[in-house]
Amino acid sequence: MPLAINELPVGRFSGLETPIRSSVALGAVIREQRKRLVLKQLDLAGLGNTGNRFIIDLEKGKPTLQLQKVLDLMDLLGLEVVVRTKASRSATSL
C-alpha cells in the first residue's frame, strides 16, 4: 500500500550519497527511491501534483525537464541536492 503524504520521508536519510553527473543517473536515483517507498509512478504524480508523463520522463533521464518540478518531487521523496566542489584527483591517478 502506498504511503500517505504525511508518511513520506523527511530527514531520515542515512547519509548515503550518490554523485550525479547526468539526468539519467538522477532519474535512476529517483526511481529507486520511489520503489523503496512502494509508490507507483501514478502515485508520485498525484502526490507531486504533476502528470504521469513527467514522472516517466524524469525517471528515464530526460534532460529538458523543469528544474523546480524535479526539485519538488525530490523533496517529496525525501531526497535533496547538495552542491559541493568535486574532490580533486591525485596526481597518481591521472
Protein backbone atom coordinates (compact mmCIF):
# COMPACT_ATOMS: atom_id res chain seq x y z
CA MET A 1 0.00 0.00 0.00
CA PRO A 2 1.46 3.42 -0.91
CA LEU A 3 2.47 5.83 1.80
CA ALA A 4 0.29 8.80 2.64
CA ILE A 5 1.80 12.22 2.03
CA ASN A 6 2.37 12.74 5.78
CA GLU A 7 4.32 9.45 5.91
CA LEU A 8 6.84 10.36 3.23
CA PRO A 9 10.43 10.62 4.46
CA VAL A 10 11.84 13.84 5.80
CA GLY A 11 15.36 13.88 7.17
CA ARG A 12 15.57 10.12 7.58
CA PHE A 13 18.33 9.51 5.07
CA SER A 14 21.25 7.58 6.49
CA GLY A 15 23.93 9.72 4.88
CA LEU A 16 24.11 7.81 1.62
CA GLU A 17 25.46 9.96 -1.18
CA THR A 18 25.36 9.36 -4.90
CA PRO A 19 27.32 11.64 -7.21
CA ILE A 20 25.04 12.67 -10.07
CA ARG A 21 26.65 13.59 -13.36
CA SER A 22 23.76 13.09 -15.76
CA SER A 23 19.99 13.36 -15.97
CA VAL A 24 19.89 9.57 -16.49
CA ALA A 25 21.72 8.99 -13.19
CA LEU A 26 19.35 11.36 -11.38
CA GLY A 27 16.33 9.59 -12.86
CA ALA A 28 17.67 6.24 -11.66
CA VAL A 29 18.09 7.52 -8.09
CA ILE A 30 14.58 8.95 -8.10
CA ARG A 31 13.14 5.69 -9.48
CA GLU A 32 14.96 3.65 -6.79
CA GLN A 33 13.65 5.90 -4.02
CA ARG A 34 10.09 5.78 -5.38
CA LYS A 35 10.21 1.99 -5.44
CA ARG A 36 11.78 1.89 -1.97
CA LEU A 37 8.73 3.83 -0.75
CA VAL A 38 6.40 1.40 -2.55
CA LEU A 39 4.94 4.13 -4.75
CA LYS A 40 3.79 3.69 -8.32
CA GLN A 41 4.55 6.35 -10.88
CA LEU A 42 0.89 7.38 -10.80
CA ASP A 43 1.04 7.68 -7.00
CA LEU A 44 4.05 10.00 -7.20
CA ALA A 45 2.43 12.04 -9.97
CA GLY A 46 -0.66 12.53 -7.82
CA LEU A 47 1.27 13.39 -4.67
CA GLY A 48 3.51 15.75 -6.64
CA ASN A 49 0.62 17.39 -8.47
CA THR A 50 2.14 16.61 -11.84
CA GLY A 51 1.33 14.36 -14.76
CA ASN A 52 2.38 10.75 -15.05
CA ARG A 53 4.26 11.61 -18.28
CA PHE A 54 6.52 13.94 -16.24
CA ILE A 55 7.40 11.10 -13.86
CA ILE A 56 8.13 8.75 -16.75
CA ASP A 57 10.36 11.34 -18.45
CA LEU A 58 12.12 12.14 -15.18
CA GLU A 59 12.93 8.51 -14.43
CA LYS A 60 14.19 7.99 -17.99
CA GLY A 61 16.54 10.96 -17.56
CA LYS A 62 15.01 13.45 -19.97
CA PRO A 63 17.44 16.39 -19.75
CA THR A 64 14.96 19.19 -20.50
CA LEU A 65 12.55 18.85 -17.58
CA GLN A 66 11.63 21.84 -15.46
CA LEU A 67 14.17 22.03 -12.64
CA GLN A 68 11.82 23.28 -9.92
CA LYS A 69 9.39 20.42 -10.52
CA VAL A 70 12.26 17.94 -10.27
CA LEU A 71 13.44 19.52 -7.00
CA ASP A 72 9.89 19.49 -5.62
CA LEU A 73 9.49 15.78 -6.39
CA MET A 74 12.88 15.02 -4.88
CA ASP A 75 11.85 16.84 -1.72
CA LEU A 76 8.61 14.88 -1.64
CA LEU A 77 10.61 11.64 -1.85
CA GLY A 78 12.98 12.72 0.92
CA LEU A 79 15.88 13.44 -1.41
CA GLU A 80 17.90 16.63 -1.66
CA VAL A 81 20.53 18.20 -3.87
CA VAL A 82 23.82 19.17 -2.28
CA VAL A 83 26.31 21.13 -4.36
CA ARG A 84 29.96 20.88 -3.45
CA THR A 85 33.33 21.15 -5.12
CA LYS A 86 34.39 17.89 -6.69
CA ALA A 87 37.14 16.03 -4.91
CA SER A 88 40.40 16.64 -6.72
CA ARG A 89 42.14 13.77 -8.42
CA SER A 90 45.50 12.87 -7.05
CA ALA A 91 48.47 13.28 -9.36
CA THR A 92 49.00 9.50 -9.36
CA SER A 93 45.51 8.76 -10.69
CA LEU A 94 45.99 10.90 -13.80
